[in-house]
């Protein structure tokens, strides 16, 4: 028996948190660059170098965006029926065999 079936609100909440955190990271990188009002610094350090310097944060933000969209799609599926997220191995295996022929 399956217990603790997730509700769509659970997935929706996680999706919003992922998207907000990703956007905050992008915003923090950009604001870190724009907080310097000195034109000499902005001319010497172009924006693309700032993005290159912050690649790990940028990549993490991209991953969070992807996870947020994926989790939001799951919330839409769960709204219909949470059992749709369960994998049916037998059925998938037969479908894959038919495709290979």
N, C-alpha and C. Protein backbone atom coordinates (compact mmCIF):
# COMPACT_ATOMS: atom_id res chain seq x y z
N UNK A 1 0.84 -1.18 0.00
CA UNK A 1 0.00 0.00 0.00
C UNK A 1 0.89 1.25 0.00
N UNK A 2 0.55 2.16 -0.83
CA UNK A 2 1.32 3.40 -0.95
C UNK A 2 0.80 4.41 0.05
N UNK A 3 1.72 4.97 0.84
CA UNK A 3 1.35 6.00 1.81
C UNK A 3 2.11 7.28 1.49
N UNK A 4 1.70 8.37 2.11
CA UNK A 4 2.34 9.68 1.92
C UNK A 4 2.39 10.08 0.44
N UNK A 5 1.25 9.99 -0.21
CA UNK A 5 1.17 10.37 -1.62
C UNK A 5 1.32 11.87 -1.72
N UNK A 6 2.25 12.34 -2.57
CA UNK A 6 2.47 13.78 -2.67
C UNK A 6 1.30 14.50 -3.33
N UNK A 7 1.09 15.71 -2.89
CA UNK A 7 0.05 16.56 -3.47
C UNK A 7 0.72 17.52 -4.45
N UNK A 8 -0.05 18.09 -5.34
CA UNK A 8 0.55 18.98 -6.32
C UNK A 8 1.14 20.21 -5.67
N UNK A 9 0.60 20.63 -4.51
CA UNK A 9 1.14 21.80 -3.82
C UNK A 9 2.58 21.56 -3.37
N UNK A 10 2.90 20.31 -3.01
CA UNK A 10 4.26 19.98 -2.59
C UNK A 10 5.25 20.22 -3.73
N UNK A 11 4.91 19.70 -4.91
CA UNK A 11 5.78 19.89 -6.07
C UNK A 11 5.83 21.35 -6.49
N UNK A 12 4.70 22.02 -6.44
CA UNK A 12 4.64 23.41 -6.84
C UNK A 12 5.51 24.29 -5.93
N UNK A 13 5.49 23.99 -4.64
CA UNK A 13 6.31 24.76 -3.68
C UNK A 13 7.79 24.58 -3.97
N UNK A 14 8.21 23.34 -4.21
CA UNK A 14 9.62 23.07 -4.51
C UNK A 14 10.02 23.73 -5.82
N UNK A 15 9.13 23.69 -6.82
CA UNK A 15 9.43 24.31 -8.11
C UNK A 15 9.65 25.82 -7.94
N UNK A 16 8.78 26.46 -7.18
CA UNK A 16 8.93 27.90 -6.95
C UNK A 16 10.23 28.22 -6.22
N UNK A 17 10.58 27.39 -5.23
CA UNK A 17 11.81 27.61 -4.49
C UNK A 17 13.03 27.49 -5.40
N UNK A 18 13.04 26.48 -6.28
CA UNK A 18 14.16 26.31 -7.21
C UNK A 18 14.28 27.50 -8.16
N UNK A 19 13.15 27.92 -8.72
CA UNK A 19 13.17 29.03 -9.66
C UNK A 19 13.61 30.33 -8.99
N UNK A 20 13.11 30.58 -7.80
CA UNK A 20 13.49 31.80 -7.08
C UNK A 20 14.97 31.80 -6.73
N UNK A 21 15.47 30.66 -6.27
CA UNK A 21 16.90 30.59 -5.91
C UNK A 21 17.78 30.78 -7.14
N UNK A 22 17.38 30.21 -8.27
CA UNK A 22 18.16 30.38 -9.50
C UNK A 22 18.18 31.84 -9.94
N UNK A 23 17.03 32.48 -9.92
CA UNK A 23 16.97 33.89 -10.33
C UNK A 23 17.73 34.79 -9.37
N UNK A 24 17.70 34.47 -8.08
CA UNK A 24 18.47 35.25 -7.11
C UNK A 24 19.97 35.13 -7.38
N UNK A 25 20.42 33.94 -7.76
CA UNK A 25 21.84 33.77 -8.06
C UNK A 25 22.25 34.59 -9.27
N UNK A 26 21.44 34.56 -10.34
CA UNK A 26 21.72 35.40 -11.51
C UNK A 26 21.75 36.87 -11.12
N UNK A 27 20.78 37.28 -10.34
CA UNK A 27 20.68 38.68 -9.92
C UNK A 27 21.88 39.09 -9.07
N UNK A 28 22.32 38.22 -8.17
CA UNK A 28 23.47 38.53 -7.33
C UNK A 28 24.75 38.69 -8.14
N UNK A 29 24.93 37.86 -9.16
CA UNK A 29 26.11 38.01 -10.02
C UNK A 29 26.07 39.36 -10.72
N UNK A 30 24.93 39.68 -11.29
CA UNK A 30 24.80 40.94 -12.02
C UNK A 30 24.94 42.14 -11.10
N UNK A 31 24.32 42.09 -9.93
CA UNK A 31 24.40 43.22 -9.00
C UNK A 31 25.81 43.41 -8.45
N UNK A 32 26.52 42.29 -8.28
CA UNK A 32 27.90 42.39 -7.84
C UNK A 32 28.76 43.17 -8.83
N UNK A 33 28.43 43.04 -10.09
CA UNK A 33 29.15 43.78 -11.14
C UNK A 33 28.69 45.24 -11.19
N UNK A 34 27.41 45.46 -11.07
CA UNK A 34 26.86 46.81 -11.23
C UNK A 34 27.03 47.68 -9.98
N UNK A 35 27.44 47.11 -8.86
CA UNK A 35 27.57 47.93 -7.65
C UNK A 35 28.75 48.89 -7.73
N UNK A 36 29.67 48.62 -8.66
CA UNK A 36 30.79 49.53 -8.86
C UNK A 36 30.36 50.63 -9.82
N UNK A 37 30.31 51.85 -9.33
CA UNK A 37 29.89 52.97 -10.15
C UNK A 37 31.05 53.57 -10.95
N UNK A 38 32.22 53.11 -10.66
CA UNK A 38 33.40 53.64 -11.32
C UNK A 38 33.44 53.14 -12.77
N UNK A 39 33.43 54.06 -13.73
CA UNK A 39 33.43 53.68 -15.14
C UNK A 39 34.73 53.00 -15.54
N UNK A 40 35.83 53.34 -14.89
CA UNK A 40 37.11 52.70 -15.22
C UNK A 40 37.08 51.21 -14.93
N UNK A 41 36.49 50.84 -13.80
CA UNK A 41 36.39 49.42 -13.45
C UNK A 41 35.48 48.71 -14.44
N UNK A 42 34.36 49.30 -14.79
CA UNK A 42 33.43 48.68 -15.72
C UNK A 42 34.04 48.54 -17.12
N UNK A 43 34.91 49.47 -17.50
CA UNK A 43 35.58 49.38 -18.80
C UNK A 43 36.68 48.33 -18.78
N UNK A 44 37.40 48.23 -17.66
CA UNK A 44 38.51 47.28 -17.57
C UNK A 44 38.03 45.84 -17.40
N UNK A 45 36.92 45.68 -16.75
CA UNK A 45 36.39 44.34 -16.51
C UNK A 45 35.05 44.23 -17.23
N UNK A 46 35.06 43.67 -18.43
CA UNK A 46 33.79 43.54 -19.15
C UNK A 46 32.86 42.52 -18.47
N UNK A 47 31.59 42.64 -18.76
CA UNK A 47 30.57 41.80 -18.13
C UNK A 47 30.80 40.32 -18.43
N UNK A 48 31.28 39.99 -19.64
CA UNK A 48 31.49 38.57 -19.95
C UNK A 48 32.58 37.95 -19.09
N UNK A 49 33.57 38.74 -18.65
CA UNK A 49 34.59 38.21 -17.73
C UNK A 49 34.00 37.94 -16.35
N UNK A 50 33.06 38.76 -15.94
CA UNK A 50 32.39 38.54 -14.66
C UNK A 50 31.60 37.24 -14.72
N UNK A 51 30.90 37.01 -15.84
CA UNK A 51 30.14 35.76 -16.00
C UNK A 51 31.10 34.56 -16.02
N UNK A 52 32.24 34.71 -16.71
CA UNK A 52 33.23 33.61 -16.73
C UNK A 52 33.76 33.31 -15.34
N UNK A 53 33.99 34.35 -14.56
CA UNK A 53 34.49 34.18 -13.20
C UNK A 53 33.47 33.45 -12.32
N UNK A 54 32.20 33.67 -12.59
CA UNK A 54 31.12 33.09 -11.78
C UNK A 54 30.47 31.88 -12.45
N UNK A 55 31.24 31.16 -13.27
CA UNK A 55 30.68 30.00 -13.97
C UNK A 55 30.07 28.95 -13.04
N UNK A 56 30.71 28.61 -11.93
CA UNK A 56 30.09 27.60 -11.06
C UNK A 56 28.70 28.03 -10.56
N UNK A 57 28.57 29.29 -10.17
CA UNK A 57 27.28 29.80 -9.71
C UNK A 57 26.29 29.83 -10.87
N UNK A 58 26.77 30.23 -12.04
CA UNK A 58 25.93 30.28 -13.23
C UNK A 58 25.41 28.89 -13.59
N UNK A 59 26.30 27.89 -13.58
CA UNK A 59 25.90 26.52 -13.91
C UNK A 59 24.89 25.98 -12.89
N UNK A 60 25.14 26.26 -11.63
CA UNK A 60 24.21 25.81 -10.59
C UNK A 60 22.84 26.45 -10.80
N UNK A 61 22.82 27.70 -11.20
CA UNK A 61 21.55 28.39 -11.45
C UNK A 61 20.81 27.76 -12.62
N UNK A 62 21.54 27.38 -13.66
CA UNK A 62 20.92 26.72 -14.81
C UNK A 62 20.31 25.39 -14.39
N UNK A 63 21.03 24.64 -13.57
CA UNK A 63 20.52 23.36 -13.08
C UNK A 63 19.26 23.58 -12.24
N UNK A 64 19.29 24.59 -11.39
CA UNK A 64 18.11 24.89 -10.57
C UNK A 64 16.91 25.30 -11.43
N UNK A 65 17.16 26.05 -12.48
CA UNK A 65 16.07 26.41 -13.40
C UNK A 65 15.47 25.16 -14.02
N UNK A 66 16.33 24.25 -14.46
CA UNK A 66 15.86 23.00 -15.06
C UNK A 66 15.05 22.19 -14.06
N UNK A 67 15.56 22.07 -12.85
CA UNK A 67 14.85 21.31 -11.83
C UNK A 67 13.52 21.97 -11.46
N UNK A 68 13.49 23.28 -11.45
CA UNK A 68 12.26 23.99 -11.16
C UNK A 68 11.19 23.73 -12.21
N UNK A 69 11.59 23.77 -13.48
CA UNK A 69 10.64 23.51 -14.56
C UNK A 69 10.18 22.05 -14.51
N UNK A 70 11.12 21.13 -14.29
CA UNK A 70 10.77 19.71 -14.20
C UNK A 70 9.80 19.45 -13.04
N UNK A 71 10.07 20.04 -11.91
CA UNK A 71 9.21 19.84 -10.74
C UNK A 71 7.84 20.47 -10.96
N UNK A 72 7.81 21.60 -11.65
CA UNK A 72 6.52 22.21 -11.96
C UNK A 72 5.70 21.30 -12.87
N UNK A 73 6.36 20.68 -13.86
CA UNK A 73 5.65 19.74 -14.73
C UNK A 73 5.11 18.56 -13.92
N UNK A 74 5.88 18.11 -12.95
CA UNK A 74 5.41 17.02 -12.09
C UNK A 74 4.20 17.47 -11.28
N UNK A 75 4.19 18.72 -10.85
CA UNK A 75 3.02 19.20 -10.08
C UNK A 75 1.77 19.18 -10.94
N UNK A 76 1.91 19.49 -12.22
CA UNK A 76 0.76 19.46 -13.12
C UNK A 76 0.28 18.02 -13.31
N UNK A 77 1.23 17.08 -13.41
CA UNK A 77 0.86 15.67 -13.56
C UNK A 77 0.18 15.17 -12.30
N UNK A 78 0.73 15.52 -11.14
CA UNK A 78 0.18 15.05 -9.87
C UNK A 78 -1.21 15.63 -9.63
N UNK A 79 -1.47 16.80 -10.17
CA UNK A 79 -2.79 17.40 -10.04
C UNK A 79 -3.85 16.47 -10.63
N UNK A 80 -3.49 15.79 -11.72
CA UNK A 80 -4.39 14.84 -12.35
C UNK A 80 -4.43 13.53 -11.55
N UNK A 81 -3.26 12.92 -11.33
CA UNK A 81 -3.17 11.69 -10.54
C UNK A 81 -1.72 11.47 -10.15
N UNK A 82 -1.40 11.33 -8.87
CA UNK A 82 -0.02 11.11 -8.45
C UNK A 82 0.53 9.77 -8.92
N UNK A 83 -0.33 8.84 -9.26
CA UNK A 83 0.12 7.52 -9.70
C UNK A 83 0.73 7.56 -11.10
N UNK A 84 0.52 8.65 -11.83
CA UNK A 84 1.12 8.78 -13.16
C UNK A 84 2.64 8.94 -13.10
N UNK A 85 3.17 9.30 -11.93
CA UNK A 85 4.63 9.44 -11.79
C UNK A 85 5.32 8.10 -11.55
N UNK A 86 4.56 7.07 -11.27
CA UNK A 86 5.15 5.76 -11.03
C UNK A 86 5.55 5.12 -12.35
N UNK A 87 6.68 4.46 -12.33
CA UNK A 87 7.19 3.81 -13.53
C UNK A 87 6.58 2.42 -13.66
N UNK A 88 6.15 2.08 -14.86
CA UNK A 88 5.63 0.75 -15.14
C UNK A 88 6.66 0.03 -15.99
N UNK A 89 7.53 -0.74 -15.36
CA UNK A 89 8.67 -1.34 -16.05
C UNK A 89 8.24 -2.32 -17.14
N UNK A 90 7.27 -3.16 -16.89
CA UNK A 90 6.86 -4.15 -17.88
C UNK A 90 6.35 -3.47 -19.15
N UNK A 91 5.51 -2.49 -18.97
CA UNK A 91 4.93 -1.80 -20.12
C UNK A 91 6.00 -1.04 -20.90
N UNK A 92 6.89 -0.40 -20.21
CA UNK A 92 7.95 0.37 -20.87
C UNK A 92 8.88 -0.57 -21.62
N UNK A 93 9.21 -1.71 -21.02
CA UNK A 93 10.07 -2.68 -21.68
C UNK A 93 9.48 -3.18 -22.99
N UNK A 94 8.19 -3.48 -23.00
CA UNK A 94 7.53 -3.94 -24.23
C UNK A 94 7.49 -2.84 -25.27
N UNK A 95 7.29 -1.62 -24.86
CA UNK A 95 7.27 -0.50 -25.82
C UNK A 95 8.65 -0.34 -26.45
N UNK A 96 9.70 -0.45 -25.64
CA UNK A 96 11.07 -0.30 -26.16
C UNK A 96 11.39 -1.42 -27.16
N UNK A 97 10.94 -2.64 -26.89
CA UNK A 97 11.20 -3.75 -27.81
C UNK A 97 10.49 -3.53 -29.13
N UNK A 98 9.31 -2.98 -29.11
CA UNK A 98 8.57 -2.73 -30.34
C UNK A 98 9.27 -1.66 -31.18
N UNK A 99 9.84 -0.68 -30.53
CA UNK A 99 10.51 0.40 -31.24
C UNK A 99 11.77 -0.11 -31.92
N UNK A 100 12.51 -1.04 -31.30
CA UNK A 100 13.76 -1.57 -31.86
C UNK A 100 13.52 -2.36 -33.13
N UNK A 101 12.37 -2.97 -33.29
CA UNK A 101 12.08 -3.79 -34.48
C UNK A 101 12.02 -2.93 -35.65
